[in-house]
N, C-alpha and C. Protein backbone atom coordinates (compact mmCIF):
# COMPACT_ATOMS: atom_id res chain seq x y z
N MET A 1 -7.82 12.54 29.40
CA MET A 1 -8.67 12.60 28.22
C MET A 1 -10.10 12.28 28.66
N SER A 2 -11.02 13.05 28.13
CA SER A 2 -12.41 12.80 28.52
C SER A 2 -12.89 11.46 27.97
N GLU A 3 -13.89 10.91 28.61
CA GLU A 3 -14.45 9.61 28.19
C GLU A 3 -14.95 9.68 26.76
N THR A 4 -15.62 10.78 26.41
CA THR A 4 -16.16 10.94 25.07
C THR A 4 -15.05 10.96 24.03
N ARG A 5 -14.02 11.74 24.30
CA ARG A 5 -12.91 11.83 23.36
C ARG A 5 -12.21 10.48 23.25
N ASP A 6 -12.00 9.81 24.36
CA ASP A 6 -11.33 8.52 24.35
C ASP A 6 -12.13 7.51 23.52
N ALA A 7 -13.43 7.48 23.69
CA ALA A 7 -14.28 6.56 22.93
C ALA A 7 -14.23 6.91 21.45
N TYR A 8 -14.23 8.18 21.14
CA TYR A 8 -14.17 8.63 19.75
C TYR A 8 -12.85 8.18 19.10
N VAL A 9 -11.76 8.41 19.79
CA VAL A 9 -10.44 8.03 19.27
C VAL A 9 -10.36 6.52 19.09
N GLN A 10 -10.86 5.76 20.05
CA GLN A 10 -10.83 4.30 19.95
C GLN A 10 -11.64 3.81 18.76
N LYS A 11 -12.78 4.45 18.51
CA LYS A 11 -13.61 4.09 17.37
C LYS A 11 -12.86 4.33 16.06
N LEU A 12 -12.19 5.48 15.96
CA LEU A 12 -11.42 5.79 14.76
C LEU A 12 -10.28 4.80 14.56
N LYS A 13 -9.59 4.48 15.64
CA LYS A 13 -8.47 3.54 15.54
C LYS A 13 -8.94 2.15 15.12
N ALA A 14 -10.09 1.73 15.62
CA ALA A 14 -10.63 0.42 15.24
C ALA A 14 -10.96 0.40 13.75
N LYS A 15 -11.52 1.47 13.25
CA LYS A 15 -11.86 1.54 11.82
C LYS A 15 -10.59 1.54 10.97
N ILE A 16 -9.57 2.26 11.42
CA ILE A 16 -8.30 2.26 10.69
C ILE A 16 -7.71 0.86 10.65
N ASP A 17 -7.82 0.12 11.76
CA ASP A 17 -7.34 -1.26 11.78
C ASP A 17 -8.07 -2.11 10.75
N GLU A 18 -9.38 -1.92 10.63
CA GLU A 18 -10.14 -2.66 9.61
C GLU A 18 -9.64 -2.31 8.22
N TRP A 19 -9.43 -1.02 7.99
CA TRP A 19 -8.98 -0.59 6.67
C TRP A 19 -7.56 -1.04 6.39
N ASN A 20 -6.73 -1.13 7.42
CA ASN A 20 -5.38 -1.67 7.22
C ASN A 20 -5.45 -3.10 6.70
N ALA A 21 -6.38 -3.88 7.24
CA ALA A 21 -6.55 -5.25 6.77
C ALA A 21 -7.02 -5.25 5.32
N ASP A 22 -7.92 -4.34 4.97
CA ASP A 22 -8.38 -4.24 3.58
C ASP A 22 -7.24 -3.81 2.65
N ILE A 23 -6.40 -2.89 3.11
CA ILE A 23 -5.25 -2.46 2.31
C ILE A 23 -4.32 -3.65 2.07
N ASP A 24 -4.13 -4.48 3.08
CA ASP A 24 -3.30 -5.67 2.91
C ASP A 24 -3.88 -6.59 1.84
N LYS A 25 -5.21 -6.74 1.83
CA LYS A 25 -5.85 -7.58 0.81
C LYS A 25 -5.67 -6.97 -0.57
N LEU A 26 -5.84 -5.66 -0.68
CA LEU A 26 -5.66 -4.99 -1.97
C LEU A 26 -4.21 -5.10 -2.43
N THR A 27 -3.29 -5.02 -1.50
CA THR A 27 -1.86 -5.15 -1.84
C THR A 27 -1.59 -6.54 -2.41
N ALA A 28 -2.18 -7.56 -1.82
CA ALA A 28 -2.01 -8.93 -2.33
C ALA A 28 -2.58 -9.05 -3.74
N LYS A 29 -3.73 -8.44 -3.98
CA LYS A 29 -4.32 -8.46 -5.33
C LYS A 29 -3.43 -7.72 -6.31
N ALA A 30 -2.88 -6.59 -5.89
CA ALA A 30 -2.01 -5.80 -6.75
C ALA A 30 -0.78 -6.61 -7.17
N GLU A 31 -0.27 -7.39 -6.24
CA GLU A 31 0.91 -8.21 -6.54
C GLU A 31 0.63 -9.26 -7.61
N GLN A 32 -0.63 -9.66 -7.75
CA GLN A 32 -1.00 -10.67 -8.73
C GLN A 32 -1.36 -10.07 -10.09
N ALA A 33 -1.46 -8.76 -10.16
CA ALA A 33 -1.89 -8.09 -11.38
C ALA A 33 -0.78 -8.08 -12.43
N GLU A 34 -1.20 -7.82 -13.67
CA GLU A 34 -0.24 -7.67 -14.75
C GLU A 34 0.57 -6.40 -14.53
N ALA A 35 1.70 -6.28 -15.20
CA ALA A 35 2.65 -5.20 -14.95
C ALA A 35 2.02 -3.81 -15.01
N GLY A 36 1.27 -3.49 -16.06
CA GLY A 36 0.67 -2.16 -16.20
C GLY A 36 -0.31 -1.86 -15.10
N ALA A 37 -1.16 -2.80 -14.80
CA ALA A 37 -2.16 -2.61 -13.74
C ALA A 37 -1.48 -2.57 -12.38
N LYS A 38 -0.43 -3.34 -12.23
CA LYS A 38 0.28 -3.41 -10.95
C LYS A 38 0.83 -2.04 -10.57
N ILE A 39 1.40 -1.34 -11.53
CA ILE A 39 1.94 -0.01 -11.27
C ILE A 39 0.83 0.94 -10.84
N LYS A 40 -0.29 0.89 -11.54
CA LYS A 40 -1.45 1.73 -11.20
C LYS A 40 -1.93 1.42 -9.79
N TYR A 41 -2.06 0.16 -9.47
CA TYR A 41 -2.51 -0.25 -8.15
C TYR A 41 -1.56 0.23 -7.06
N GLN A 42 -0.27 0.08 -7.32
CA GLN A 42 0.71 0.48 -6.32
C GLN A 42 0.66 1.99 -6.07
N GLN A 43 0.41 2.77 -7.13
CA GLN A 43 0.27 4.21 -6.95
C GLN A 43 -0.96 4.53 -6.10
N GLN A 44 -2.06 3.86 -6.38
CA GLN A 44 -3.27 4.07 -5.59
C GLN A 44 -3.05 3.69 -4.13
N LEU A 45 -2.37 2.59 -3.91
CA LEU A 45 -2.09 2.14 -2.54
C LEU A 45 -1.21 3.15 -1.81
N GLU A 46 -0.23 3.72 -2.50
CA GLU A 46 0.63 4.73 -1.86
C GLU A 46 -0.18 5.95 -1.47
N GLU A 47 -1.11 6.37 -2.34
CA GLU A 47 -1.97 7.51 -2.01
C GLU A 47 -2.83 7.20 -0.79
N LEU A 48 -3.39 6.00 -0.75
CA LEU A 48 -4.20 5.60 0.40
C LEU A 48 -3.38 5.59 1.68
N ARG A 49 -2.18 5.07 1.60
CA ARG A 49 -1.32 5.02 2.79
C ARG A 49 -0.96 6.42 3.27
N ALA A 50 -0.71 7.34 2.32
CA ALA A 50 -0.38 8.72 2.69
C ALA A 50 -1.57 9.39 3.38
N LYS A 51 -2.76 9.18 2.85
CA LYS A 51 -3.96 9.76 3.47
C LYS A 51 -4.22 9.12 4.83
N ARG A 52 -3.98 7.82 4.93
CA ARG A 52 -4.15 7.14 6.22
C ARG A 52 -3.19 7.73 7.25
N GLN A 53 -1.95 7.99 6.83
CA GLN A 53 -0.97 8.57 7.76
C GLN A 53 -1.41 9.96 8.21
N GLU A 54 -1.94 10.75 7.29
CA GLU A 54 -2.46 12.08 7.66
C GLU A 54 -3.52 11.95 8.74
N LEU A 55 -4.43 11.00 8.52
CA LEU A 55 -5.51 10.79 9.47
C LEU A 55 -4.97 10.33 10.83
N GLU A 56 -4.02 9.41 10.80
CA GLU A 56 -3.43 8.94 12.06
C GLU A 56 -2.72 10.08 12.79
N ASP A 57 -2.07 10.97 12.04
CA ASP A 57 -1.40 12.13 12.66
C ASP A 57 -2.43 13.04 13.32
N LYS A 58 -3.56 13.25 12.66
CA LYS A 58 -4.62 14.10 13.22
C LYS A 58 -5.22 13.46 14.48
N ILE A 59 -5.34 12.14 14.46
CA ILE A 59 -5.87 11.44 15.64
C ILE A 59 -4.91 11.62 16.82
N GLU A 60 -3.60 11.53 16.57
CA GLU A 60 -2.62 11.74 17.63
C GLU A 60 -2.71 13.16 18.18
N GLU A 61 -2.88 14.11 17.26
CA GLU A 61 -3.03 15.51 17.67
C GLU A 61 -4.28 15.67 18.55
N LEU A 62 -5.33 15.01 18.15
CA LEU A 62 -6.59 15.05 18.89
C LEU A 62 -6.40 14.50 20.30
N GLN A 63 -5.67 13.39 20.40
CA GLN A 63 -5.43 12.77 21.70
C GLN A 63 -4.67 13.71 22.64
N GLY A 64 -3.75 14.49 22.08
CA GLY A 64 -2.92 15.36 22.90
C GLY A 64 -3.52 16.73 23.14
N ALA A 65 -4.65 17.02 22.54
CA ALA A 65 -5.25 18.35 22.65
C ALA A 65 -5.87 18.57 24.02
N GLY A 66 -5.88 19.80 24.43
CA GLY A 66 -6.55 20.15 25.67
C GLY A 66 -8.05 20.03 25.51
N GLU A 67 -8.74 20.01 26.63
CA GLU A 67 -10.20 19.84 26.60
C GLU A 67 -10.89 20.88 25.73
N SER A 68 -10.42 22.11 25.77
CA SER A 68 -11.10 23.18 25.03
C SER A 68 -10.84 23.09 23.53
N ALA A 69 -9.73 22.49 23.12
CA ALA A 69 -9.37 22.45 21.70
C ALA A 69 -9.87 21.19 20.99
N TRP A 70 -10.25 20.18 21.72
CA TRP A 70 -10.52 18.91 21.07
C TRP A 70 -11.74 18.96 20.17
N GLU A 71 -12.76 19.72 20.50
CA GLU A 71 -13.95 19.82 19.63
C GLU A 71 -13.58 20.42 18.29
N GLU A 72 -12.72 21.43 18.31
CA GLU A 72 -12.28 22.06 17.07
C GLU A 72 -11.45 21.07 16.23
N LEU A 73 -10.55 20.38 16.88
CA LEU A 73 -9.73 19.39 16.19
C LEU A 73 -10.58 18.24 15.66
N LYS A 74 -11.62 17.91 16.38
CA LYS A 74 -12.52 16.82 15.97
C LYS A 74 -13.11 17.13 14.60
N GLN A 75 -13.46 18.39 14.36
CA GLN A 75 -14.01 18.77 13.05
C GLN A 75 -13.00 18.52 11.95
N GLY A 76 -11.74 18.85 12.19
CA GLY A 76 -10.69 18.60 11.21
C GLY A 76 -10.49 17.11 10.97
N VAL A 77 -10.55 16.33 12.03
CA VAL A 77 -10.41 14.88 11.91
C VAL A 77 -11.57 14.32 11.09
N GLU A 78 -12.77 14.79 11.36
CA GLU A 78 -13.93 14.29 10.62
C GLU A 78 -13.85 14.63 9.14
N SER A 79 -13.32 15.80 8.81
CA SER A 79 -13.12 16.17 7.42
C SER A 79 -12.11 15.24 6.76
N SER A 80 -11.00 15.00 7.43
CA SER A 80 -9.98 14.07 6.92
C SER A 80 -10.54 12.67 6.81
N TRP A 81 -11.35 12.29 7.79
CA TRP A 81 -11.96 10.97 7.81
C TRP A 81 -12.84 10.77 6.58
N GLU A 82 -13.67 11.75 6.26
CA GLU A 82 -14.55 11.65 5.09
C GLU A 82 -13.73 11.54 3.81
N SER A 83 -12.68 12.33 3.72
CA SER A 83 -11.80 12.29 2.54
C SER A 83 -11.17 10.90 2.39
N TRP A 84 -10.66 10.37 3.51
CA TRP A 84 -10.05 9.04 3.50
C TRP A 84 -11.06 7.98 3.11
N LYS A 85 -12.25 8.04 3.72
CA LYS A 85 -13.29 7.05 3.48
C LYS A 85 -13.69 7.04 2.00
N ASN A 86 -13.85 8.23 1.41
CA ASN A 86 -14.22 8.31 0.00
C ASN A 86 -13.10 7.79 -0.89
N SER A 87 -11.88 8.18 -0.62
CA SER A 87 -10.74 7.71 -1.41
C SER A 87 -10.60 6.21 -1.32
N PHE A 88 -10.74 5.69 -0.12
CA PHE A 88 -10.60 4.26 0.09
C PHE A 88 -11.70 3.49 -0.65
N SER A 89 -12.91 3.97 -0.54
CA SER A 89 -14.04 3.31 -1.19
C SER A 89 -13.86 3.29 -2.71
N GLU A 90 -13.46 4.42 -3.27
CA GLU A 90 -13.23 4.51 -4.72
C GLU A 90 -12.11 3.56 -5.15
N ALA A 91 -11.01 3.57 -4.42
CA ALA A 91 -9.88 2.71 -4.78
C ALA A 91 -10.26 1.24 -4.66
N LYS A 92 -10.96 0.88 -3.60
CA LYS A 92 -11.35 -0.51 -3.40
C LYS A 92 -12.27 -0.98 -4.52
N THR A 93 -13.22 -0.14 -4.90
CA THR A 93 -14.14 -0.48 -5.99
C THR A 93 -13.37 -0.66 -7.30
N ALA A 94 -12.47 0.27 -7.60
CA ALA A 94 -11.68 0.18 -8.83
C ALA A 94 -10.82 -1.08 -8.83
N PHE A 95 -10.18 -1.37 -7.70
CA PHE A 95 -9.37 -2.59 -7.59
C PHE A 95 -10.21 -3.82 -7.88
N GLU A 96 -11.35 -3.91 -7.23
CA GLU A 96 -12.18 -5.10 -7.37
C GLU A 96 -12.69 -5.27 -8.79
N GLU A 97 -13.09 -4.16 -9.43
CA GLU A 97 -13.56 -4.25 -10.81
C GLU A 97 -12.44 -4.70 -11.75
N GLU A 98 -11.27 -4.09 -11.61
CA GLU A 98 -10.13 -4.47 -12.45
C GLU A 98 -9.69 -5.91 -12.18
N TYR A 99 -9.72 -6.29 -10.94
CA TYR A 99 -9.33 -7.65 -10.58
C TYR A 99 -10.28 -8.67 -11.20
N LYS A 100 -11.58 -8.38 -11.15
CA LYS A 100 -12.57 -9.28 -11.75
C LYS A 100 -12.37 -9.38 -13.25
N LYS A 101 -12.09 -8.24 -13.89
CA LYS A 101 -11.84 -8.25 -15.34
C LYS A 101 -10.64 -9.14 -15.66
N GLY A 102 -9.59 -8.98 -14.87
CA GLY A 102 -8.39 -9.79 -15.08
C GLY A 102 -8.65 -11.26 -14.86
N GLN A 103 -9.48 -11.60 -13.88
CA GLN A 103 -9.81 -12.99 -13.58
C GLN A 103 -10.66 -13.60 -14.69
N GLN A 104 -11.60 -12.80 -15.23
CA GLN A 104 -12.46 -13.28 -16.30
C GLN A 104 -11.68 -13.48 -17.57
N LYS A 105 -10.74 -12.57 -17.78
CA LYS A 105 -9.91 -12.64 -18.98
C LYS A 105 -9.07 -13.90 -18.94
N GLY A 106 -8.43 -14.13 -17.83
CA GLY A 106 -7.62 -15.33 -17.63
C GLY A 106 -6.46 -15.41 -18.58
N PRO A 107 -5.55 -16.35 -18.36
CA PRO A 107 -4.39 -16.54 -19.24
C PRO A 107 -4.83 -17.05 -20.60
N GLY A 108 -4.29 -16.43 -21.61
CA GLY A 108 -4.58 -16.89 -22.97
C GLY A 108 -5.91 -16.42 -23.52
N ASN A 109 -6.66 -15.62 -22.81
CA ASN A 109 -7.94 -15.11 -23.29
C ASN A 109 -7.87 -13.64 -23.65
N ASP A 110 -6.73 -13.15 -24.05
CA ASP A 110 -6.55 -11.72 -24.35
C ASP A 110 -7.40 -11.29 -25.46
């Protein structure tokens, strides 16, 4: 694998590791949510995990690609990456807003 491709793949994997930690935090928040919100959160988390798996599959494909094909595959990875990043950002924002509302509401303040 070329040095450039290896560095690129390592950068993507490091970012996925960061997001995995964020997903773990969101999962913990989802577990504390009320029943209706919990279901919504769990659905969002499943969608994020599915998109993350797609991205990880593309990264593996990129790693195994020949020198001539990797630039083309890189474009596909970057497209998937942008989609994942946007989905993750939206879900994280929604989680945090709903979580804050739930915290402000508190028990007995319905």
